[in-house]
Amino acid sequence: MGLLTEAFTSLNTLCAEQLAAHGLAPVEFEVLVRLARSPARRLRMTDLSRQTAMSTSGVTRMIDRLEREALVCRVPCDIDRRSSYAALTSKGLARLQETVPGHLELLDEWLIGPLTQRQLHGLLVGLRVVRDAVRPEATAGVHDQ
């Protein structure tokens, strides 16, 4: 566990510094990425909560902040009036497009680059197995839209 914590903490610190240079906290970046790779670039707020392991009130506050910056907007749900979608705006997409290249460079240098293809494949397979075991809802809502 110590090795996992050391690797994660070190990578997270490097990434947080790079993201901060673009005005994003790591969790904000995660939300924008999840929205960008979702159908129609949107997720129901409840699904976003389950995917990020944030409370529903935590997601609401996060979306409020991102909405103030015009990076996301709320869209009413057609089939459930009690629910709404968080949707990525063109400004949010632009922020991602300026942030992602540096983020990928960091990951390439510190995570992908040091590994062989076989090691990287094994790492990804193993991480998915663990993620799916401990957080099966991590992809909630991706195929529901």
N, C-alpha and C. Protein backbone atom coordinates (compact mmCIF):
# COMPACT_ATOMS: atom_id res chain seq x y z
N MET A 1 0.82 -1.19 0.00
CA MET A 1 0.00 0.00 0.00
C MET A 1 0.86 1.26 0.00
N GLY A 2 1.99 1.18 0.71
CA GLY A 2 2.89 2.34 0.75
C GLY A 2 3.40 2.71 -0.62
N LEU A 3 3.76 1.72 -1.41
CA LEU A 3 4.27 1.98 -2.77
C LEU A 3 3.18 2.62 -3.64
N LEU A 4 1.97 2.10 -3.55
CA LEU A 4 0.86 2.68 -4.31
C LEU A 4 0.62 4.12 -3.89
N THR A 5 0.63 4.38 -2.59
CA THR A 5 0.42 5.73 -2.07
C THR A 5 1.52 6.67 -2.54
N GLU A 6 2.77 6.22 -2.48
CA GLU A 6 3.88 7.07 -2.92
C GLU A 6 3.77 7.42 -4.39
N ALA A 7 3.48 6.43 -5.23
CA ALA A 7 3.36 6.66 -6.67
C ALA A 7 2.19 7.60 -6.96
N PHE A 8 1.04 7.31 -6.36
CA PHE A 8 -0.15 8.13 -6.60
C PHE A 8 0.08 9.57 -6.14
N THR A 9 0.57 9.74 -4.92
CA THR A 9 0.76 11.08 -4.37
C THR A 9 1.73 11.89 -5.22
N SER A 10 2.80 11.26 -5.65
CA SER A 10 3.79 11.97 -6.47
C SER A 10 3.20 12.38 -7.81
N LEU A 11 2.53 11.46 -8.48
CA LEU A 11 1.90 11.78 -9.77
C LEU A 11 0.82 12.83 -9.59
N ASN A 12 0.03 12.70 -8.55
CA ASN A 12 -1.06 13.63 -8.30
C ASN A 12 -0.53 15.04 -8.06
N THR A 13 0.57 15.16 -7.33
CA THR A 13 1.17 16.47 -7.07
C THR A 13 1.66 17.11 -8.37
N LEU A 14 2.35 16.33 -9.20
CA LEU A 14 2.81 16.85 -10.49
C LEU A 14 1.64 17.31 -11.34
N CYS A 15 0.60 16.49 -11.40
CA CYS A 15 -0.57 16.82 -12.22
C CYS A 15 -1.30 18.04 -11.66
N ALA A 16 -1.43 18.13 -10.35
CA ALA A 16 -2.14 19.26 -9.74
C ALA A 16 -1.45 20.58 -10.06
N GLU A 17 -0.14 20.58 -10.07
CA GLU A 17 0.60 21.81 -10.40
C GLU A 17 0.35 22.21 -11.85
N GLN A 18 0.37 21.23 -12.75
CA GLN A 18 0.13 21.52 -14.17
C GLN A 18 -1.30 22.00 -14.38
N LEU A 19 -2.26 21.37 -13.72
CA LEU A 19 -3.66 21.77 -13.88
C LEU A 19 -3.90 23.17 -13.30
N ALA A 20 -3.27 23.47 -12.18
CA ALA A 20 -3.43 24.79 -11.55
C ALA A 20 -2.96 25.90 -12.50
N ALA A 21 -1.97 25.61 -13.31
CA ALA A 21 -1.50 26.60 -14.28
C ALA A 21 -2.59 26.94 -15.29
N HIS A 22 -3.59 26.08 -15.41
CA HIS A 22 -4.73 26.32 -16.31
C HIS A 22 -6.01 26.65 -15.54
N GLY A 23 -5.85 26.95 -14.26
CA GLY A 23 -6.98 27.37 -13.45
C GLY A 23 -7.93 26.26 -13.06
N LEU A 24 -7.43 25.02 -13.01
CA LEU A 24 -8.27 23.88 -12.65
C LEU A 24 -7.70 23.11 -11.47
N ALA A 25 -8.57 22.67 -10.60
CA ALA A 25 -8.20 21.71 -9.56
C ALA A 25 -8.34 20.31 -10.18
N PRO A 26 -7.63 19.32 -9.64
CA PRO A 26 -7.73 17.97 -10.20
C PRO A 26 -9.16 17.45 -10.31
N VAL A 27 -9.99 17.68 -9.32
CA VAL A 27 -11.36 17.17 -9.38
C VAL A 27 -12.18 17.91 -10.45
N GLU A 28 -11.90 19.18 -10.67
CA GLU A 28 -12.57 19.92 -11.74
C GLU A 28 -12.16 19.37 -13.10
N PHE A 29 -10.88 19.08 -13.26
CA PHE A 29 -10.39 18.48 -14.49
C PHE A 29 -11.06 17.13 -14.72
N GLU A 30 -11.17 16.33 -13.66
CA GLU A 30 -11.82 15.03 -13.78
C GLU A 30 -13.26 15.17 -14.27
N VAL A 31 -13.99 16.13 -13.71
CA VAL A 31 -15.38 16.34 -14.12
C VAL A 31 -15.44 16.76 -15.58
N LEU A 32 -14.60 17.68 -16.00
CA LEU A 32 -14.60 18.12 -17.40
C LEU A 32 -14.26 16.97 -18.34
N VAL A 33 -13.28 16.15 -17.98
CA VAL A 33 -12.91 15.01 -18.81
C VAL A 33 -14.06 14.01 -18.90
N ARG A 34 -14.68 13.71 -17.76
CA ARG A 34 -15.81 12.77 -17.77
C ARG A 34 -16.95 13.28 -18.65
N LEU A 35 -17.22 14.57 -18.60
CA LEU A 35 -18.26 15.13 -19.46
C LEU A 35 -17.84 15.07 -20.93
N ALA A 36 -16.59 15.38 -21.21
CA ALA A 36 -16.11 15.40 -22.59
C ALA A 36 -16.18 14.04 -23.25
N ARG A 37 -15.99 12.98 -22.50
CA ARG A 37 -15.98 11.65 -23.12
C ARG A 37 -17.33 10.93 -22.98
N SER A 38 -18.33 11.64 -22.51
CA SER A 38 -19.68 11.07 -22.39
C SER A 38 -20.50 11.41 -23.63
N PRO A 39 -21.50 10.58 -23.93
CA PRO A 39 -22.37 10.88 -25.07
C PRO A 39 -22.98 12.27 -24.93
N ALA A 40 -22.96 13.02 -26.01
CA ALA A 40 -23.48 14.39 -26.05
C ALA A 40 -22.76 15.31 -25.07
N ARG A 41 -21.60 14.86 -24.58
CA ARG A 41 -20.77 15.65 -23.63
C ARG A 41 -21.57 16.09 -22.41
N ARG A 42 -22.39 15.16 -21.89
CA ARG A 42 -23.17 15.48 -20.70
C ARG A 42 -23.43 14.21 -19.90
N LEU A 43 -23.68 14.41 -18.60
CA LEU A 43 -24.04 13.33 -17.69
C LEU A 43 -25.10 13.84 -16.73
N ARG A 44 -25.99 12.94 -16.33
CA ARG A 44 -26.92 13.32 -15.27
C ARG A 44 -26.10 13.60 -14.01
N MET A 45 -26.56 14.54 -13.24
CA MET A 45 -25.84 14.94 -12.03
C MET A 45 -25.65 13.73 -11.10
N THR A 46 -26.67 12.87 -10.99
CA THR A 46 -26.56 11.70 -10.12
C THR A 46 -25.49 10.74 -10.64
N ASP A 47 -25.39 10.58 -11.96
CA ASP A 47 -24.36 9.71 -12.52
C ASP A 47 -22.97 10.30 -12.32
N LEU A 48 -22.87 11.61 -12.46
CA LEU A 48 -21.59 12.28 -12.22
C LEU A 48 -21.16 12.09 -10.77
N SER A 49 -22.10 12.14 -9.87
CA SER A 49 -21.82 11.90 -8.46
C SER A 49 -21.28 10.48 -8.25
N ARG A 50 -21.94 9.50 -8.85
CA ARG A 50 -21.50 8.12 -8.69
C ARG A 50 -20.14 7.88 -9.35
N GLN A 51 -19.92 8.47 -10.50
CA GLN A 51 -18.65 8.28 -11.20
C GLN A 51 -17.47 8.89 -10.45
N THR A 52 -17.69 10.00 -9.80
CA THR A 52 -16.59 10.70 -9.13
C THR A 52 -16.48 10.37 -7.65
N ALA A 53 -17.42 9.61 -7.12
CA ALA A 53 -17.48 9.29 -5.70
C ALA A 53 -17.66 10.54 -4.84
N MET A 54 -18.19 11.60 -5.45
CA MET A 54 -18.54 12.81 -4.69
C MET A 54 -19.99 12.69 -4.26
N SER A 55 -20.34 13.33 -3.17
CA SER A 55 -21.74 13.37 -2.75
C SER A 55 -22.53 14.18 -3.77
N THR A 56 -23.83 14.00 -3.77
CA THR A 56 -24.65 14.78 -4.71
C THR A 56 -24.53 16.28 -4.41
N SER A 57 -24.46 16.63 -3.13
CA SER A 57 -24.29 18.06 -2.80
C SER A 57 -22.90 18.55 -3.22
N GLY A 58 -21.89 17.68 -3.13
CA GLY A 58 -20.55 18.03 -3.59
C GLY A 58 -20.51 18.27 -5.09
N VAL A 59 -21.20 17.43 -5.84
CA VAL A 59 -21.29 17.62 -7.30
C VAL A 59 -22.03 18.91 -7.61
N THR A 60 -23.10 19.18 -6.88
CA THR A 60 -23.86 20.42 -7.10
C THR A 60 -22.97 21.64 -6.89
N ARG A 61 -22.20 21.64 -5.81
CA ARG A 61 -21.29 22.78 -5.56
C ARG A 61 -20.21 22.88 -6.64
N MET A 62 -19.68 21.73 -7.07
CA MET A 62 -18.66 21.72 -8.12
C MET A 62 -19.23 22.28 -9.43
N ILE A 63 -20.42 21.82 -9.79
CA ILE A 63 -21.04 22.30 -11.03
C ILE A 63 -21.37 23.78 -10.91
N ASP A 64 -21.78 24.23 -9.73
CA ASP A 64 -22.01 25.67 -9.52
C ASP A 64 -20.74 26.47 -9.84
N ARG A 65 -19.59 26.01 -9.32
CA ARG A 65 -18.32 26.71 -9.58
C ARG A 65 -17.97 26.70 -11.06
N LEU A 66 -18.08 25.53 -11.68
CA LEU A 66 -17.73 25.41 -13.10
C LEU A 66 -18.71 26.20 -13.97
N GLU A 67 -19.96 26.27 -13.53
CA GLU A 67 -20.97 27.04 -14.26
C GLU A 67 -20.68 28.54 -14.20
N ARG A 68 -20.21 29.01 -13.03
CA ARG A 68 -19.84 30.43 -12.90
C ARG A 68 -18.74 30.81 -13.88
N GLU A 69 -17.87 29.85 -14.20
CA GLU A 69 -16.79 30.11 -15.16
C GLU A 69 -17.24 29.80 -16.59
N ALA A 70 -18.50 29.38 -16.76
CA ALA A 70 -19.08 29.03 -18.06
C ALA A 70 -18.40 27.82 -18.70
N LEU A 71 -17.81 26.93 -17.86
CA LEU A 71 -17.17 25.73 -18.39
C LEU A 71 -18.19 24.59 -18.55
N VAL A 72 -19.26 24.65 -17.78
CA VAL A 72 -20.36 23.69 -17.89
C VAL A 72 -21.67 24.46 -17.77
N CYS A 73 -22.76 23.79 -18.14
CA CYS A 73 -24.10 24.35 -17.92
C CYS A 73 -25.02 23.21 -17.53
N ARG A 74 -26.12 23.56 -16.92
CA ARG A 74 -27.13 22.57 -16.56
C ARG A 74 -28.17 22.50 -17.68
N VAL A 75 -28.57 21.28 -17.98
CA VAL A 75 -29.59 21.05 -19.01
C VAL A 75 -30.68 20.19 -18.38
N PRO A 76 -31.95 20.61 -18.48
CA PRO A 76 -33.03 19.80 -17.91
C PRO A 76 -33.10 18.42 -18.57
N CYS A 77 -33.47 17.44 -17.79
CA CYS A 77 -33.64 16.08 -18.29
C CYS A 77 -35.05 15.96 -18.86
N ASP A 78 -35.15 15.50 -20.11
CA ASP A 78 -36.44 15.39 -20.79
C ASP A 78 -37.37 14.36 -20.14
N ILE A 79 -36.81 13.27 -19.65
CA ILE A 79 -37.64 12.17 -19.15
C ILE A 79 -37.84 12.18 -17.64
N ASP A 80 -37.07 12.98 -16.92
CA ASP A 80 -37.21 13.05 -15.46
C ASP A 80 -37.01 14.50 -15.03
N ARG A 81 -38.10 15.19 -14.76
CA ARG A 81 -38.02 16.62 -14.43
C ARG A 81 -37.29 16.88 -13.12
N ARG A 82 -37.12 15.85 -12.29
CA ARG A 82 -36.38 16.03 -11.03
C ARG A 82 -34.88 16.02 -11.26
N SER A 83 -34.45 15.60 -12.42
CA SER A 83 -33.04 15.43 -12.71
C SER A 83 -32.58 16.45 -13.75
N SER A 84 -31.30 16.70 -13.75
CA SER A 84 -30.72 17.55 -14.80
C SER A 84 -29.36 17.00 -15.18
N TYR A 85 -28.91 17.43 -16.33
CA TYR A 85 -27.60 17.06 -16.84
C TYR A 85 -26.60 18.17 -16.55
N ALA A 86 -25.37 17.79 -16.33
CA ALA A 86 -24.25 18.73 -16.39
C ALA A 86 -23.67 18.54 -17.78
N ALA A 87 -23.55 19.62 -18.52
CA ALA A 87 -23.08 19.55 -19.91
C ALA A 87 -21.85 20.43 -20.09
N LEU A 88 -20.91 19.91 -20.84
CA LEU A 88 -19.70 20.66 -21.15
C LEU A 88 -20.03 21.75 -22.17
N THR A 89 -19.59 22.97 -21.90
CA THR A 89 -19.80 24.07 -22.84
C THR A 89 -18.61 24.16 -23.81
N SER A 90 -18.75 24.99 -24.82
CA SER A 90 -17.64 25.19 -25.75
C SER A 90 -16.43 25.79 -25.03
N LYS A 91 -16.69 26.65 -24.04
CA LYS A 91 -15.59 27.20 -23.25
C LYS A 91 -14.91 26.11 -22.42
N GLY A 92 -15.71 25.20 -21.86
CA GLY A 92 -15.14 24.07 -21.11
C GLY A 92 -14.31 23.17 -21.99
N LEU A 93 -14.81 22.92 -23.20
CA LEU A 93 -14.05 22.10 -24.15
C LEU A 93 -12.75 22.79 -24.54
N ALA A 94 -12.81 24.10 -24.74
CA ALA A 94 -11.59 24.85 -25.08
C ALA A 94 -10.58 24.78 -23.94
N ARG A 95 -11.06 24.89 -22.70
CA ARG A 95 -10.15 24.80 -21.54
C ARG A 95 -9.48 23.43 -21.51
N LEU A 96 -10.25 22.39 -21.78
CA LEU A 96 -9.67 21.04 -21.84
C LEU A 96 -8.63 20.95 -22.95
N GLN A 97 -8.96 21.49 -24.11
CA GLN A 97 -8.04 21.40 -25.24
C GLN A 97 -6.72 22.12 -24.98
N GLU A 98 -6.75 23.15 -24.16
CA GLU A 98 -5.48 23.82 -23.82
C GLU A 98 -4.76 23.14 -22.67
N THR A 99 -5.48 22.39 -21.85
CA THR A 99 -4.90 21.75 -20.66
C THR A 99 -4.37 20.35 -20.95
N VAL A 100 -5.08 19.59 -21.77
CA VAL A 100 -4.76 18.17 -21.98
C VAL A 100 -3.36 17.93 -22.54
N PRO A 101 -2.88 18.69 -23.52
CA PRO A 101 -1.54 18.37 -24.05
C PRO A 101 -0.45 18.35 -22.97
N GLY A 102 -0.42 19.33 -22.10
CA GLY A 102 0.57 19.35 -21.02
C GLY A 102 0.35 18.22 -20.03
N HIS A 103 -0.92 17.89 -19.79
CA HIS A 103 -1.26 16.79 -18.89
C HIS A 103 -0.74 15.47 -19.48
N LEU A 104 -0.96 15.27 -20.76
CA LEU A 104 -0.49 14.05 -21.40
C LEU A 104 1.04 13.97 -21.44
N GLU A 105 1.69 15.11 -21.62
CA GLU A 105 3.16 15.14 -21.58
C GLU A 105 3.67 14.67 -20.22
N LEU A 106 3.03 15.17 -19.16
CA LEU A 106 3.41 14.75 -17.81
C LEU A 106 3.23 13.24 -17.62
N LEU A 107 2.07 12.75 -18.03
CA LEU A 107 1.81 11.32 -17.90
C LEU A 107 2.78 10.49 -18.73
N ASP A 108 3.10 10.99 -19.92
CA ASP A 108 4.04 10.27 -20.77
C ASP A 108 5.42 10.22 -20.12
N GLU A 109 5.83 11.32 -19.53
CA GLU A 109 7.16 11.38 -18.91
C GLU A 109 7.24 10.52 -17.64
N TRP A 110 6.22 10.60 -16.79
CA TRP A 110 6.33 10.00 -15.47
C TRP A 110 5.58 8.69 -15.27
N LEU A 111 4.62 8.36 -16.13
CA LEU A 111 3.85 7.13 -15.95
C LEU A 111 4.03 6.18 -17.12
N ILE A 112 3.83 6.65 -18.32
CA ILE A 112 3.86 5.78 -19.49
C ILE A 112 5.29 5.53 -19.96
N GLY A 113 6.08 6.59 -20.06
CA GLY A 113 7.44 6.49 -20.58
C GLY A 113 8.34 5.49 -19.89
N PRO A 114 8.33 5.43 -18.56
CA PRO A 114 9.21 4.50 -17.87
C PRO A 114 8.83 3.02 -18.02
N LEU A 115 7.62 2.75 -18.52
CA LEU A 115 7.14 1.37 -18.61
C LEU A 115 7.30 0.81 -20.03
N THR A 116 7.52 -0.48 -20.11
CA THR A 116 7.45 -1.14 -21.41
C THR A 116 5.99 -1.26 -21.80
N GLN A 117 5.72 -1.57 -23.08
CA GLN A 117 4.33 -1.77 -23.52
C GLN A 117 3.65 -2.86 -22.71
N ARG A 118 4.38 -3.92 -22.45
CA ARG A 118 3.81 -5.04 -21.69
C ARG A 118 3.49 -4.62 -20.25
N GLN A 119 4.39 -3.87 -19.63
CA GLN A 119 4.15 -3.39 -18.26
C GLN A 119 2.95 -2.45 -18.23
N LEU A 120 2.86 -1.55 -19.21
CA LEU A 120 1.75 -0.61 -19.26
C LEU A 120 0.43 -1.36 -19.45
N HIS A 121 0.41 -2.33 -20.35
CA HIS A 121 -0.80 -3.12 -20.57
C HIS A 121 -1.22 -3.83 -19.27
N GLY A 122 -0.28 -4.44 -18.59
CA GLY A 122 -0.57 -5.12 -17.33
C GLY A 122 -1.09 -4.17 -16.27
N LEU A 123 -0.50 -2.98 -16.21
CA LEU A 123 -0.93 -1.97 -15.24
C LEU A 123 -2.38 -1.57 -15.52
N LEU A 124 -2.69 -1.29 -16.79
CA LEU A 124 -4.05 -0.86 -17.14
C LEU A 124 -5.08 -1.96 -16.87
N VAL A 125 -4.75 -3.18 -17.23
CA VAL A 125 -5.67 -4.29 -16.96
C VAL A 125 -5.89 -4.43 -15.46
N GLY A 126 -4.82 -4.40 -14.70
CA GLY A 126 -4.93 -4.54 -13.25
C GLY A 126 -5.72 -3.41 -12.62
N LEU A 127 -5.48 -2.19 -13.05
CA LEU A 127 -6.20 -1.05 -12.50
C LEU A 127 -7.70 -1.14 -12.79
N ARG A 128 -8.06 -1.59 -14.00
CA ARG A 128 -9.48 -1.74 -14.33
C ARG A 128 -10.14 -2.81 -13.46
N VAL A 129 -9.44 -3.91 -13.22
CA VAL A 129 -9.98 -4.97 -12.37
C VAL A 129 -10.24 -4.44 -10.96
N VAL A 130 -9.26 -3.73 -10.42
CA VAL A 130 -9.41 -3.18 -9.06
C VAL A 130 -10.51 -2.13 -9.03
N ARG A 131 -10.49 -1.19 -10.01
CA ARG A 131 -11.51 -0.15 -10.05
C ARG A 131 -12.92 -0.75 -10.13
N ASP A 132 -13.10 -1.73 -11.01
CA ASP A 132 -14.43 -2.34 -11.17
C ASP A 132 -14.86 -3.11 -9.92
N ALA A 133 -13.90 -3.63 -9.16
CA ALA A 133 -14.24 -4.35 -7.93
C ALA A 133 -14.63 -3.38 -6.82
N VAL A 134 -13.89 -2.29 -6.67
CA VAL A 134 -14.15 -1.39 -5.55
C VAL A 134 -15.14 -0.27 -5.90
N ARG A 135 -15.29 0.05 -7.18
CA ARG A 135 -16.20 1.12 -7.61
C ARG A 135 -16.91 0.74 -8.89
N PRO A 136 -17.80 -0.25 -8.84
CA PRO A 136 -18.48 -0.69 -10.07
C PRO A 136 -19.31 0.42 -10.71
N GLU A 137 -19.66 1.44 -9.96
CA GLU A 137 -20.46 2.53 -10.51
C GLU A 137 -19.61 3.61 -11.19
N ALA A 138 -18.31 3.37 -11.33
CA ALA A 138 -17.40 4.39 -11.88
C ALA A 138 -17.74 4.80 -13.30
N THR A 139 -18.48 3.99 -14.02
CA THR A 139 -18.88 4.36 -15.38
C THR A 139 -20.39 4.55 -15.47
N ALA A 140 -21.04 4.84 -14.36
CA ALA A 140 -22.50 4.99 -14.31
C ALA A 140 -22.99 6.03 -15.30
N GLY A 141 -24.03 5.69 -16.03
CA GLY A 141 -24.68 6.62 -16.94
C GLY A 141 -24.04 6.78 -18.28
N VAL A 142 -22.90 6.18 -18.51
CA VAL A 142 -22.20 6.35 -19.78
C VAL A 142 -23.00 5.77 -20.93
N HIS A 143 -23.66 4.65 -20.71
CA HIS A 143 -24.40 4.00 -21.78
C HIS A 143 -25.91 4.22 -21.69
N ASP A 144 -26.36 5.03 -20.72
CA ASP A 144 -27.80 5.22 -20.50
C ASP A 144 -28.40 6.31 -21.37
N GLN A 145 -27.59 7.10 -22.04
CA GLN A 145 -28.13 8.28 -22.74
C GLN A 145 -28.51 7.96 -24.16
